[in-house]
Structure formats: structure tokens, C-alpha cells
N, C-alpha and C. Protein backbone atom coordinates (compact mmCIF):
# COMPACT_ATOMS: atom_id res chain seq x y z
N UNK A 1 18.77 151.91 -14.22
CA UNK A 1 19.78 150.91 -14.52
C UNK A 1 19.32 149.52 -14.08
N UNK A 2 18.71 149.47 -12.86
CA UNK A 2 18.24 148.18 -12.35
C UNK A 2 17.11 147.64 -13.22
N UNK A 3 16.26 148.52 -13.70
CA UNK A 3 15.15 148.12 -14.55
C UNK A 3 15.66 147.51 -15.86
N UNK A 4 16.74 148.07 -16.41
CA UNK A 4 17.33 147.55 -17.64
C UNK A 4 17.90 146.16 -17.42
N UNK A 5 18.50 145.93 -16.25
CA UNK A 5 19.06 144.62 -15.94
C UNK A 5 17.95 143.59 -15.81
N UNK A 6 16.85 143.96 -15.19
CA UNK A 6 15.72 143.04 -15.05
C UNK A 6 15.13 142.69 -16.41
N UNK A 7 14.97 143.66 -17.29
CA UNK A 7 14.45 143.39 -18.63
C UNK A 7 15.38 142.49 -19.41
N UNK A 8 16.68 142.74 -19.29
CA UNK A 8 17.65 141.91 -19.99
C UNK A 8 17.59 140.47 -19.49
N UNK A 9 17.44 140.29 -18.19
CA UNK A 9 17.35 138.95 -17.62
C UNK A 9 16.09 138.24 -18.09
N UNK A 10 14.99 138.96 -18.17
CA UNK A 10 13.72 138.36 -18.62
C UNK A 10 13.83 137.95 -20.08
N UNK A 11 14.39 138.81 -20.92
CA UNK A 11 14.53 138.50 -22.34
C UNK A 11 15.47 137.31 -22.53
N UNK A 12 16.56 137.26 -21.78
CA UNK A 12 17.50 136.13 -21.89
C UNK A 12 16.83 134.83 -21.47
N UNK A 13 16.02 134.88 -20.43
CA UNK A 13 15.31 133.69 -19.97
C UNK A 13 14.31 133.21 -21.02
N UNK A 14 13.58 134.12 -21.62
CA UNK A 14 12.62 133.74 -22.66
C UNK A 14 13.31 133.15 -23.88
N UNK A 15 14.45 133.71 -24.27
CA UNK A 15 15.19 133.18 -25.42
C UNK A 15 15.71 131.78 -25.12
N UNK A 16 16.22 131.57 -23.91
CA UNK A 16 16.73 130.25 -23.54
C UNK A 16 15.60 129.23 -23.50
N UNK A 17 14.45 129.61 -22.97
CA UNK A 17 13.32 128.68 -22.89
C UNK A 17 12.81 128.33 -24.29
N UNK A 18 12.77 129.32 -25.17
CA UNK A 18 12.31 129.07 -26.53
C UNK A 18 13.28 128.17 -27.28
N UNK A 19 14.56 128.40 -27.09
CA UNK A 19 15.56 127.58 -27.78
C UNK A 19 15.52 126.14 -27.28
N UNK A 20 15.32 125.96 -25.99
CA UNK A 20 15.26 124.61 -25.44
C UNK A 20 14.03 123.88 -25.95
N UNK A 21 12.92 124.57 -26.08
CA UNK A 21 11.70 123.96 -26.58
C UNK A 21 11.85 123.58 -28.05
N UNK A 22 12.45 124.45 -28.81
CA UNK A 22 12.63 124.17 -30.23
C UNK A 22 13.57 122.98 -30.43
N UNK A 23 14.58 122.90 -29.60
CA UNK A 23 15.52 121.79 -29.71
C UNK A 23 14.86 120.47 -29.33
N UNK A 24 14.02 120.50 -28.31
CA UNK A 24 13.38 119.27 -27.84
C UNK A 24 12.36 118.77 -28.85
N UNK A 25 11.72 119.67 -29.56
CA UNK A 25 10.70 119.23 -30.51
C UNK A 25 11.32 118.63 -31.76
N UNK A 26 12.58 118.90 -32.01
CA UNK A 26 13.22 118.35 -33.20
C UNK A 26 13.86 117.01 -32.96
N UNK A 27 13.67 116.41 -31.79
CA UNK A 27 14.30 115.13 -31.49
C UNK A 27 13.66 114.02 -32.31
N UNK A 28 14.49 113.06 -32.67
CA UNK A 28 14.01 111.92 -33.45
C UNK A 28 13.21 110.99 -32.54
N UNK A 29 12.03 110.61 -32.97
CA UNK A 29 11.20 109.72 -32.18
C UNK A 29 11.07 108.34 -32.82
N UNK A 30 11.75 108.11 -33.91
CA UNK A 30 11.61 106.83 -34.60
C UNK A 30 12.73 105.86 -34.26
N UNK A 31 13.61 106.19 -33.32
CA UNK A 31 14.68 105.29 -32.94
C UNK A 31 14.20 104.35 -31.84
N UNK A 32 14.68 103.13 -31.88
CA UNK A 32 14.36 102.14 -30.85
C UNK A 32 15.62 101.92 -30.04
N UNK A 33 15.51 102.18 -28.74
CA UNK A 33 16.65 101.99 -27.87
C UNK A 33 16.49 100.67 -27.13
N UNK A 34 17.45 99.79 -27.29
CA UNK A 34 17.40 98.48 -26.65
C UNK A 34 18.29 98.54 -25.42
N UNK A 35 17.74 98.21 -24.29
CA UNK A 35 18.49 98.25 -23.04
C UNK A 35 19.43 97.06 -22.98
N UNK A 36 20.64 97.33 -22.59
CA UNK A 36 21.61 96.27 -22.41
C UNK A 36 21.42 95.58 -21.08
N UNK A 37 22.19 94.52 -20.83
CA UNK A 37 22.03 93.79 -19.56
C UNK A 37 22.44 94.62 -18.35
N UNK A 38 23.35 95.57 -18.51
CA UNK A 38 23.74 96.39 -17.36
C UNK A 38 22.60 97.31 -16.93
N UNK A 39 21.84 97.82 -17.89
CA UNK A 39 20.69 98.67 -17.55
C UNK A 39 19.64 97.84 -16.81
N UNK A 40 19.40 96.65 -17.29
CA UNK A 40 18.42 95.79 -16.62
C UNK A 40 18.90 95.40 -15.23
N UNK A 41 20.19 95.18 -15.06
CA UNK A 41 20.74 94.87 -13.75
C UNK A 41 20.58 96.06 -12.81
N UNK A 42 20.82 97.26 -13.32
CA UNK A 42 20.65 98.46 -12.50
C UNK A 42 19.19 98.65 -12.10
N UNK A 43 18.27 98.45 -13.02
CA UNK A 43 16.85 98.58 -12.69
C UNK A 43 16.40 97.52 -11.69
N UNK A 44 16.95 96.32 -11.81
CA UNK A 44 16.65 95.27 -10.84
C UNK A 44 17.16 95.62 -9.45
N UNK A 45 18.35 96.22 -9.39
CA UNK A 45 18.90 96.66 -8.11
C UNK A 45 18.03 97.75 -7.50
N UNK A 46 17.56 98.68 -8.33
CA UNK A 46 16.67 99.74 -7.83
C UNK A 46 15.38 99.14 -7.27
N UNK A 47 14.82 98.16 -7.96
CA UNK A 47 13.61 97.50 -7.47
C UNK A 47 13.87 96.79 -6.15
N UNK A 48 15.05 96.18 -6.03
CA UNK A 48 15.41 95.49 -4.79
C UNK A 48 15.51 96.48 -3.63
N UNK A 49 16.08 97.64 -3.88
CA UNK A 49 16.18 98.67 -2.83
C UNK A 49 14.79 99.12 -2.40
N UNK A 50 13.90 99.32 -3.35
CA UNK A 50 12.54 99.77 -3.02
C UNK A 50 11.81 98.72 -2.19
N UNK A 51 11.92 97.46 -2.59
CA UNK A 51 11.25 96.38 -1.84
C UNK A 51 11.85 96.26 -0.44
N UNK A 52 13.17 96.40 -0.34
CA UNK A 52 13.82 96.29 0.97
C UNK A 52 13.39 97.42 1.89
N UNK A 53 13.02 98.56 1.36
CA UNK A 53 12.55 99.66 2.19
C UNK A 53 11.07 99.55 2.51
N UNK A 54 10.31 98.85 1.69
CA UNK A 54 8.87 98.72 1.93
C UNK A 54 8.58 97.69 3.01
N UNK A 55 9.40 96.65 3.14
CA UNK A 55 9.14 95.58 4.11
C UNK A 55 9.07 96.12 5.54
N UNK A 56 10.04 96.92 6.02
CA UNK A 56 9.90 97.45 7.39
C UNK A 56 8.71 98.39 7.56
N UNK A 57 8.37 99.10 6.51
CA UNK A 57 7.22 100.01 6.59
C UNK A 57 5.94 99.21 6.82
N UNK A 58 5.79 98.13 6.10
CA UNK A 58 4.58 97.31 6.23
C UNK A 58 4.52 96.67 7.62
N UNK A 59 5.65 96.16 8.10
CA UNK A 59 5.63 95.53 9.44
C UNK A 59 5.36 96.57 10.53
N UNK A 60 5.89 97.78 10.38
CA UNK A 60 5.61 98.84 11.35
C UNK A 60 4.14 99.24 11.30
N UNK A 61 3.57 99.31 10.12
CA UNK A 61 2.16 99.66 9.98
C UNK A 61 1.27 98.62 10.65
N UNK A 62 1.57 97.34 10.43
CA UNK A 62 0.78 96.30 11.08
C UNK A 62 0.94 96.37 12.60
N UNK A 63 2.14 96.66 13.08
CA UNK A 63 2.36 96.80 14.52
C UNK A 63 1.56 97.96 15.11
N UNK A 64 1.50 99.07 14.38
CA UNK A 64 0.72 100.22 14.85
C UNK A 64 -0.77 99.90 14.89
N UNK A 65 -1.25 99.22 13.87
CA UNK A 65 -2.67 98.85 13.83
C UNK A 65 -3.00 97.87 14.97
N UNK A 66 -2.10 96.90 15.17
CA UNK A 66 -2.31 95.93 16.25
C UNK A 66 -2.31 96.63 17.61
N UNK A 67 -1.39 97.56 17.82
CA UNK A 67 -1.33 98.31 19.07
C UNK A 67 -2.57 99.16 19.28
N UNK A 68 -3.10 99.74 18.22
CA UNK A 68 -4.30 100.56 18.35
C UNK A 68 -5.51 99.68 18.70
N UNK A 69 -5.58 98.49 18.13
CA UNK A 69 -6.68 97.58 18.46
C UNK A 69 -6.60 97.14 19.93
N UNK A 70 -5.40 96.79 20.39
CA UNK A 70 -5.25 96.31 21.77
C UNK A 70 -5.54 97.41 22.78
N UNK A 71 -5.18 98.64 22.47
CA UNK A 71 -5.44 99.72 23.42
C UNK A 71 -6.94 100.01 23.53
N UNK A 72 -7.69 99.79 22.47
CA UNK A 72 -9.14 100.00 22.54
C UNK A 72 -9.81 98.89 23.33
N UNK A 73 -9.33 97.68 23.24
CA UNK A 73 -9.93 96.54 23.94
C UNK A 73 -9.67 96.64 25.44
N UNK A 74 -8.52 97.11 25.85
CA UNK A 74 -8.15 97.13 27.25
C UNK A 74 -8.54 98.43 27.96
N UNK A 75 -9.54 99.12 27.47
CA UNK A 75 -9.98 100.37 28.11
C UNK A 75 -10.63 100.01 29.45
N UNK A 76 -10.28 100.73 30.53
CA UNK A 76 -10.85 100.40 31.84
C UNK A 76 -12.34 100.74 31.90
N UNK A 77 -13.06 99.91 32.62
CA UNK A 77 -14.49 100.12 32.81
C UNK A 77 -14.71 101.20 33.86
N UNK A 78 -15.77 101.99 33.74
CA UNK A 78 -16.02 103.01 34.77
C UNK A 78 -16.35 102.36 36.11
N UNK A 79 -15.84 102.95 37.18
CA UNK A 79 -16.07 102.38 38.51
C UNK A 79 -17.39 102.90 39.10
N UNK A 80 -18.01 102.06 39.96
CA UNK A 80 -19.25 102.46 40.61
C UNK A 80 -18.91 103.18 41.90
N UNK A 81 -19.61 104.22 42.18
CA UNK A 81 -19.40 104.94 43.44
C UNK A 81 -20.73 104.99 44.19
N UNK A 82 -20.64 104.85 45.53
CA UNK A 82 -21.84 104.88 46.35
C UNK A 82 -22.08 106.20 46.96
């Protein structure tokens, strides 16, 4: 009984995948979609969010690099022992 359920699930999945592929291939590709001003405003807002998140990352990266340079310069010299 369990084997029959598994086969039925596999066949249903294959039919659904085939139908989705057939539907996607029949889509019209000759239409030109012109973005309205609201779409451009939304994309501009998305770009603003990305830039606002990149600025702290860059400053943190420079701080880490600067800290790594300073720690290498201030390494203590070996002491002489008699």
C-alpha cells in the first residue's frame, strides 16, 4: 500500500512539473513592458537600502584592516637575557 502511494506521488509530481514547463514555454515573448514611475521609485528605494547597508560594512572593514596593521607594528621586541 505504501509503495502505491509513493508511485502515485511521483507520477503526480512529474505531471505537475511537465504541465508547468509546457505552460512556461507558451508565454508570449514579444510584449514590451514599460515600467511606471512607481516601479522605478520602488527600485530606487531598494538601491538606497542596499547602499545604506554597504556603508557600515565598508567602514568596519577599513577599521579591521587598520587595527590589524597597528597590531603588527606594535609587536614587542624580544628581551635580552644575561
